[in-house]
Amino acid sequence: MEGEIVFNIDVMLAKRKMSLTELADQVGITVPNMSILKTGKAKAVKVSTLARLCEALDCQPGDILEYRRGSDGA
């Protein structure tokens, strides 16, 4: 099974004491779209959106994104 990219937006929101709505407003995307990113249901993200997330959360991309290896069943 292939690995996956996980968004740790909820962790950063807690560290920054910021709501999902505040973050969505600062990044310039809708709350439903931000929720899709937060829950990991997004299939793609624009680099410009990632940059705005980093700006709003005062962090690096690696603080938001995590790679998790898939289990191959072996």
PDB file of N, CA and C in Angstrom:
ATOM      1  N   MET A   1       0.855  -1.189   0.000  1.00  0.00           N
ATOM      2  CA  MET A   1       0.000   0.000   0.000  1.00  0.00           C
ATOM      3  C   MET A   1       0.894   1.244   0.000  1.00  0.00           C
ATOM      4  N   GLU A   2       0.490   2.230  -0.758  1.00  0.00           N
ATOM      5  CA  GLU A   2       1.311   3.440  -0.823  1.00  0.00           C
ATOM      6  C   GLU A   2       1.071   4.339   0.377  1.00  0.00           C
ATOM      7  N   GLY A   3       2.059   5.185   0.646  1.00  0.00           N
ATOM      8  CA  GLY A   3       1.973   6.110   1.771  1.00  0.00           C
ATOM      9  C   GLY A   3       1.015   7.249   1.482  1.00  0.00           C
ATOM     10  N   GLU A   4       0.899   8.132   2.454  1.00  0.00           N
ATOM     11  CA  GLU A   4      -0.004   9.266   2.311  1.00  0.00           C
ATOM     12  C   GLU A   4       0.611  10.505   2.938  1.00  0.00           C
ATOM     13  N   ILE A   5       0.163  11.650   2.470  1.00  0.00           N
ATOM     14  CA  ILE A   5       0.536  12.929   3.043  1.00  0.00           C
ATOM     15  C   ILE A   5      -0.580  13.355   3.987  1.00  0.00           C
ATOM     16  N   VAL A   6      -0.208  13.671   5.209  1.00  0.00           N
ATOM     17  CA  VAL A   6      -1.184  14.064   6.229  1.00  0.00           C
ATOM     18  C   VAL A   6      -0.974  15.536   6.553  1.00  0.00           C
ATOM     19  N   PHE A   7      -2.071  16.283   6.619  1.00  0.00           N
ATOM     20  CA  PHE A   7      -2.022  17.687   7.021  1.00  0.00           C
ATOM     21  C   PHE A   7      -2.242  17.772   8.520  1.00  0.00           C
ATOM     22  N   ASN A   8      -1.298  18.377   9.217  1.00  0.00           N
ATOM     23  CA  ASN A   8      -1.408  18.550  10.668  1.00  0.00           C
ATOM     24  C   ASN A   8      -1.878  19.962  11.003  1.00  0.00           C
ATOM     25  N   ILE A   9      -2.880  20.429  10.279  1.00  0.00           N
ATOM     26  CA  ILE A   9      -3.395  21.781  10.480  1.00  0.00           C
ATOM     27  C   ILE A   9      -4.007  21.921  11.872  1.00  0.00           C
ATOM     28  N   ASP A  10      -4.700  20.881  12.346  1.00  0.00           N
ATOM     29  CA  ASP A  10      -5.334  20.965  13.661  1.00  0.00           C
ATOM     30  C   ASP A  10      -4.304  21.163  14.769  1.00  0.00           C
ATOM     31  N   VAL A  11      -3.133  20.530  14.624  1.00  0.00           N
ATOM     32  CA  VAL A  11      -2.058  20.694  15.608  1.00  0.00           C
ATOM     33  C   VAL A  11      -1.583  22.144  15.627  1.00  0.00           C
ATOM     34  N   MET A  12      -1.371  22.691  14.424  1.00  0.00           N
ATOM     35  CA  MET A  12      -0.892  24.076  14.339  1.00  0.00           C
ATOM     36  C   MET A  12      -1.954  25.062  14.826  1.00  0.00           C
ATOM     37  N   LEU A  13      -3.214  24.793  14.542  1.00  0.00           N
ATOM     38  CA  LEU A  13      -4.291  25.661  15.031  1.00  0.00           C
ATOM     39  C   LEU A  13      -4.285  25.695  16.560  1.00  0.00           C
ATOM     40  N   ALA A  14      -4.114  24.543  17.178  1.00  0.00           N
ATOM     41  CA  ALA A  14      -4.092  24.476  18.646  1.00  0.00           C
ATOM     42  C   ALA A  14      -2.891  25.244  19.191  1.00  0.00           C
ATOM     43  N   LYS A  15      -1.726  25.059  18.562  1.00  0.00           N
ATOM     44  CA  LYS A  15      -0.519  25.766  19.021  1.00  0.00           C
ATOM     45  C   LYS A  15      -0.675  27.277  18.901  1.00  0.00           C
ATOM     46  N   ARG A  16      -1.376  27.719  17.870  1.00  0.00           N
ATOM     47  CA  ARG A  16      -1.543  29.154  17.620  1.00  0.00           C
ATOM     48  C   ARG A  16      -2.811  29.718  18.258  1.00  0.00           C
ATOM     49  N   LYS A  17      -3.599  28.845  18.905  1.00  0.00           N
ATOM     50  CA  LYS A  17      -4.875  29.245  19.513  1.00  0.00           C
ATOM     51  C   LYS A  17      -5.737  30.003  18.495  1.00  0.00           C
ATOM     52  N   MET A  18      -5.873  29.390  17.324  1.00  0.00           N
ATOM     53  CA  MET A  18      -6.597  29.995  16.207  1.00  0.00           C
ATOM     54  C   MET A  18      -7.728  29.056  15.789  1.00  0.00           C
ATOM     55  N   SER A  19      -8.832  29.622  15.345  1.00  0.00           N
ATOM     56  CA  SER A  19      -9.942  28.801  14.880  1.00  0.00           C
ATOM     57  C   SER A  19      -9.783  28.501  13.392  1.00  0.00           C
ATOM     58  N   LEU A  20     -10.474  27.470  12.945  1.00  0.00           N
ATOM     59  CA  LEU A  20     -10.458  27.101  11.529  1.00  0.00           C
ATOM     60  C   LEU A  20     -11.001  28.251  10.686  1.00  0.00           C
ATOM     61  N   THR A  21     -12.009  28.937  11.190  1.00  0.00           N
ATOM     62  CA  THR A  21     -12.599  30.076  10.478  1.00  0.00           C
ATOM     63  C   THR A  21     -11.594  31.214  10.337  1.00  0.00           C
ATOM     64  N   GLU A  22     -10.865  31.515  11.409  1.00  0.00           N
ATOM     65  CA  GLU A  22      -9.834  32.561  11.340  1.00  0.00           C
ATOM     66  C   GLU A  22      -8.779  32.210  10.308  1.00  0.00           C
ATOM     67  N   LEU A  23      -8.334  30.956  10.315  1.00  0.00           N
ATOM     68  CA  LEU A  23      -7.308  30.527   9.375  1.00  0.00           C
ATOM     69  C   LEU A  23      -7.820  30.617   7.938  1.00  0.00           C
ATOM     70  N   ALA A  24      -9.030  30.153   7.711  1.00  0.00           N
ATOM     71  CA  ALA A  24      -9.621  30.216   6.368  1.00  0.00           C
ATOM     72  C   ALA A  24      -9.684  31.658   5.876  1.00  0.00           C
ATOM     73  N   ASP A  25     -10.079  32.577   6.751  1.00  0.00           N
ATOM     74  CA  ASP A  25     -10.143  33.996   6.391  1.00  0.00           C
ATOM     75  C   ASP A  25      -8.764  34.543   6.028  1.00  0.00           C
ATOM     76  N   GLN A  26      -7.752  34.201   6.833  1.00  0.00           N
ATOM     77  CA  GLN A  26      -6.404  34.700   6.577  1.00  0.00           C
ATOM     78  C   GLN A  26      -5.806  34.124   5.297  1.00  0.00           C
ATOM     79  N   VAL A  27      -6.121  32.859   5.010  1.00  0.00           N
ATOM     80  CA  VAL A  27      -5.562  32.190   3.836  1.00  0.00           C
ATOM     81  C   VAL A  27      -6.340  32.569   2.570  1.00  0.00           C
ATOM     82  N   GLY A  28      -7.610  32.926   2.748  1.00  0.00           N
ATOM     83  CA  GLY A  28      -8.424  33.323   1.603  1.00  0.00           C
ATOM     84  C   GLY A  28      -9.130  32.166   0.917  1.00  0.00           C
ATOM     85  N   ILE A  29      -9.443  31.116   1.694  1.00  0.00           N
ATOM     86  CA  ILE A  29     -10.243  30.018   1.151  1.00  0.00           C
ATOM     87  C   ILE A  29     -11.460  29.809   2.052  1.00  0.00           C
ATOM     88  N   THR A  30     -12.437  29.093   1.555  1.00  0.00           N
ATOM     89  CA  THR A  30     -13.670  28.900   2.315  1.00  0.00           C
ATOM     90  C   THR A  30     -13.436  27.942   3.486  1.00  0.00           C
ATOM     91  N   VAL A  31     -14.278  28.045   4.485  1.00  0.00           N
ATOM     92  CA  VAL A  31     -14.192  27.157   5.646  1.00  0.00           C
ATOM     93  C   VAL A  31     -14.379  25.695   5.214  1.00  0.00           C
ATOM     94  N   PRO A  32     -15.350  25.382   4.331  1.00  0.00           N
ATOM     95  CA  PRO A  32     -15.465  23.981   3.885  1.00  0.00           C
ATOM     96  C   PRO A  32     -14.191  23.467   3.206  1.00  0.00           C
ATOM     97  N   ASN A  33     -13.543  24.299   2.390  1.00  0.00           N
ATOM     98  CA  ASN A  33     -12.301  23.866   1.741  1.00  0.00           C
ATOM     99  C   ASN A  33     -11.173  23.702   2.758  1.00  0.00           C
ATOM    100  N   MET A  34     -11.126  24.575   3.747  1.00  0.00           N
ATOM    101  CA  MET A  34     -10.120  24.449   4.800  1.00  0.00           C
ATOM    102  C   MET A  34     -10.363  23.159   5.589  1.00  0.00           C
ATOM    103  N   SER A  35     -11.619  22.846   5.811  1.00  0.00           N
ATOM    104  CA  SER A  35     -11.976  21.623   6.526  1.00  0.00           C
ATOM    105  C   SER A  35     -11.530  20.385   5.747  1.00  0.00           C
ATOM    106  N   ILE A  36     -11.668  20.426   4.423  1.00  0.00           N
ATOM    107  CA  ILE A  36     -11.217  19.321   3.570  1.00  0.00           C
ATOM    108  C   ILE A  36      -9.711  19.130   3.707  1.00  0.00           C
ATOM    109  N   LEU A  37      -8.967  20.230   3.749  1.00  0.00           N
ATOM    110  CA  LEU A  37      -7.517  20.139   3.953  1.00  0.00           C
ATOM    111  C   LEU A  37      -7.212  19.551   5.326  1.00  0.00           C
ATOM    112  N   LYS A  38      -7.898  20.061   6.345  1.00  0.00           N
ATOM    113  CA  LYS A  38      -7.636  19.663   7.725  1.00  0.00           C
ATOM    114  C   LYS A  38      -7.901  18.173   7.951  1.00  0.00           C
ATOM    115  N   THR A  39      -8.935  17.661   7.325  1.00  0.00           N
ATOM    116  CA  THR A  39      -9.298  16.254   7.532  1.00  0.00           C
ATOM    117  C   THR A  39      -8.544  15.305   6.619  1.00  0.00           C
ATOM    118  N   GLY A  40      -7.718  15.854   5.723  1.00  0.00           N
ATOM    119  CA  GLY A  40      -6.918  15.007   4.853  1.00  0.00           C
ATOM    120  C   GLY A  40      -7.651  14.460   3.649  1.00  0.00           C
ATOM    121  N   LYS A  41      -8.811  15.021   3.344  1.00  0.00           N
ATOM    122  CA  LYS A  41      -9.595  14.540   2.213  1.00  0.00           C
ATOM    123  C   LYS A  41      -9.218  15.230   0.895  1.00  0.00           C
ATOM    124  N   ALA A  42      -8.329  16.213   0.969  1.00  0.00           N
ATOM    125  CA  ALA A  42      -7.907  16.940  -0.237  1.00  0.00           C
ATOM    126  C   ALA A  42      -7.040  16.040  -1.109  1.00  0.00           C
ATOM    127  N   LYS A  43      -7.247  16.110  -2.410  1.00  0.00           N
ATOM    128  CA  LYS A  43      -6.447  15.338  -3.361  1.00  0.00           C
ATOM    129  C   LYS A  43      -5.226  16.127  -3.829  1.00  0.00           C
ATOM    130  N   ALA A  44      -5.280  17.441  -3.688  1.00  0.00           N
ATOM    131  CA  ALA A  44      -4.184  18.306  -4.123  1.00  0.00           C
ATOM    132  C   ALA A  44      -4.270  19.614  -3.363  1.00  0.00           C
ATOM    133  N   VAL A  45      -3.142  20.309  -3.309  1.00  0.00           N
ATOM    134  CA  VAL A  45      -3.120  21.644  -2.713  1.00  0.00           C
ATOM    135  C   VAL A  45      -2.166  22.501  -3.545  1.00  0.00           C
ATOM    136  N   LYS A  46      -2.567  23.708  -3.811  1.00  0.00           N
ATOM    137  CA  LYS A  46      -1.706  24.625  -4.559  1.00  0.00           C
ATOM    138  C   LYS A  46      -0.539  25.051  -3.674  1.00  0.00           C
ATOM    139  N   VAL A  47       0.606  25.224  -4.287  1.00  0.00           N
ATOM    140  CA  VAL A  47       1.778  25.693  -3.553  1.00  0.00           C
ATOM    141  C   VAL A  47       1.493  27.072  -2.964  1.00  0.00           C
ATOM    142  N   SER A  48       0.758  27.897  -3.688  1.00  0.00           N
ATOM    143  CA  SER A  48       0.426  29.233  -3.176  1.00  0.00           C
ATOM    144  C   SER A  48      -0.451  29.141  -1.922  1.00  0.00           C
ATOM    145  N   THR A  49      -1.349  28.152  -1.875  1.00  0.00           N
ATOM    146  CA  THR A  49      -2.178  27.955  -0.681  1.00  0.00           C
ATOM    147  C   THR A  49      -1.314  27.487   0.478  1.00  0.00           C
ATOM    148  N   LEU A  50      -0.384  26.589   0.205  1.00  0.00           N
ATOM    149  CA  LEU A  50       0.530  26.117   1.238  1.00  0.00           C
ATOM    150  C   LEU A  50       1.356  27.286   1.783  1.00  0.00           C
ATOM    151  N   ALA A  51       1.811  28.152   0.901  1.00  0.00           N
ATOM    152  CA  ALA A  51       2.579  29.329   1.325  1.00  0.00           C
ATOM    153  C   ALA A  51       1.734  30.241   2.214  1.00  0.00           C
ATOM    154  N   ARG A  52       0.465  30.437   1.851  1.00  0.00           N
ATOM    155  CA  ARG A  52      -0.415  31.279   2.672  1.00  0.00           C
ATOM    156  C   ARG A  52      -0.704  30.632   4.026  1.00  0.00           C
ATOM    157  N   LEU A  53      -0.828  29.305   4.046  1.00  0.00           N
ATOM    158  CA  LEU A  53      -1.006  28.598   5.316  1.00  0.00           C
ATOM    159  C   LEU A  53       0.206  28.827   6.223  1.00  0.00           C
ATOM    160  N   CYS A  54       1.400  28.709   5.642  1.00  0.00           N
ATOM    161  CA  CYS A  54       2.624  28.918   6.412  1.00  0.00           C
ATOM    162  C   CYS A  54       2.713  30.347   6.929  1.00  0.00           C
ATOM    163  N   GLU A  55       2.316  31.293   6.095  1.00  0.00           N
ATOM    164  CA  GLU A  55       2.327  32.700   6.511  1.00  0.00           C
ATOM    165  C   GLU A  55       1.365  32.922   7.677  1.00  0.00           C
ATOM    166  N   ALA A  56       0.149  32.415   7.539  1.00  0.00           N
ATOM    167  CA  ALA A  56      -0.878  32.622   8.564  1.00  0.00           C
ATOM    168  C   ALA A  56      -0.530  31.919   9.875  1.00  0.00           C
ATOM    169  N   LEU A  57       0.095  30.739   9.783  1.00  0.00           N
ATOM    170  CA  LEU A  57       0.422  29.959  10.974  1.00  0.00           C
ATOM    171  C   LEU A  57       1.847  30.199  11.471  1.00  0.00           C
ATOM    172  N   ASP A  58       2.592  31.055  10.749  1.00  0.00           N
ATOM    173  CA  ASP A  58       3.973  31.354  11.102  1.00  0.00           C
ATOM    174  C   ASP A  58       4.772  30.065  11.298  1.00  0.00           C
ATOM    175  N   CYS A  59       4.799  29.244  10.233  1.00  0.00           N
ATOM    176  CA  CYS A  59       5.469  27.952  10.322  1.00  0.00           C
ATOM    177  C   CYS A  59       6.090  27.578   8.983  1.00  0.00           C
ATOM    178  N   GLN A  60       6.741  26.440   8.941  1.00  0.00           N
ATOM    179  CA  GLN A  60       7.342  25.891   7.736  1.00  0.00           C
ATOM    180  C   GLN A  60       6.420  24.802   7.182  1.00  0.00           C
ATOM    181  N   PRO A  61       6.524  24.486   5.881  1.00  0.00           N
ATOM    182  CA  PRO A  61       5.679  23.424   5.309  1.00  0.00           C
ATOM    183  C   PRO A  61       5.780  22.103   6.078  1.00  0.00           C
ATOM    184  N   GLY A  62       6.967  21.777   6.559  1.00  0.00           N
ATOM    185  CA  GLY A  62       7.149  20.538   7.306  1.00  0.00           C
ATOM    186  C   GLY A  62       6.415  20.506   8.640  1.00  0.00           C
ATOM    187  N   ASP A  63       6.012  21.674   9.133  1.00  0.00           N
ATOM    188  CA  ASP A  63       5.220  21.729  10.358  1.00  0.00           C
ATOM    189  C   ASP A  63       3.774  21.325  10.092  1.00  0.00           C
ATOM    190  N   ILE A  64       3.348  21.465   8.834  1.00  0.00           N
ATOM    191  CA  ILE A  64       1.967  21.185   8.449  1.00  0.00           C
ATOM    192  C   ILE A  64       1.834  19.813   7.804  1.00  0.00           C
ATOM    193  N   LEU A  65       2.815  19.466   6.964  1.00  0.00           N
ATOM    194  CA  LEU A  65       2.745  18.232   6.184  1.00  0.00           C
ATOM    195  C   LEU A  65       3.561  17.117   6.811  1.00  0.00           C
ATOM    196  N   GLU A  66       3.020  15.898   6.751  1.00  0.00           N
ATOM    197  CA  GLU A  66       3.720  14.725   7.261  1.00  0.00           C
ATOM    198  C   GLU A  66       3.498  13.574   6.288  1.00  0.00           C
ATOM    199  N   TYR A  67       4.546  12.826   6.002  1.00  0.00           N
ATOM    200  CA  TYR A  67       4.423  11.638   5.166  1.00  0.00           C
ATOM    201  C   TYR A  67       4.326  10.418   6.052  1.00  0.00           C
ATOM    202  N   ARG A  68       3.302   9.605   5.808  1.00  0.00           N
ATOM    203  CA  ARG A  68       3.133   8.351   6.549  1.00  0.00           C
ATOM    204  C   ARG A  68       3.222   7.196   5.572  1.00  0.00           C
ATOM    205  N   ARG A  69       4.108   6.272   5.868  1.00  0.00           N
ATOM    206  CA  ARG A  69       4.262   5.086   5.022  1.00  0.00           C
ATOM    207  C   ARG A  69       3.003   4.232   5.081  1.00  0.00           C
ATOM    208  N   GLY A  70       2.690   3.622   3.948  1.00  0.00           N
ATOM    209  CA  GLY A  70       1.566   2.691   3.905  1.00  0.00           C
ATOM    210  C   GLY A  70       1.995   1.352   4.451  1.00  0.00           C
ATOM    211  N   SER A  71       1.023   0.570   4.888  1.00  0.00           N
ATOM    212  CA  SER A  71       1.343  -0.785   5.350  1.00  0.00           C
ATOM    213  C   SER A  71       1.177  -1.723   4.169  1.00  0.00           C
ATOM    214  N   ASP A  72       2.166  -2.564   3.946  1.00  0.00           N
ATOM    215  CA  ASP A  72       2.129  -3.468   2.792  1.00  0.00           C
ATOM    216  C   ASP A  72       1.587  -4.838   3.144  1.00  0.00           C
ATOM    217  N   GLY A  73       1.178  -4.996   4.389  1.00  0.00           N
ATOM    218  CA  GLY A  73       0.563  -6.253   4.794  1.00  0.00           C
ATOM    219  C   GLY A  73       1.564  -7.368   5.034  1.00  0.00           C
ATOM    220  N   ALA A  74       2.848  -7.084   4.939  1.00  0.00           N
ATOM    221  CA  ALA A  74       3.857  -8.140   5.135  1.00  0.00           C
ATOM    222  C   ALA A  74       4.250  -8.273   6.580  1.00  0.00           C
TER     223      ALA A  74
END
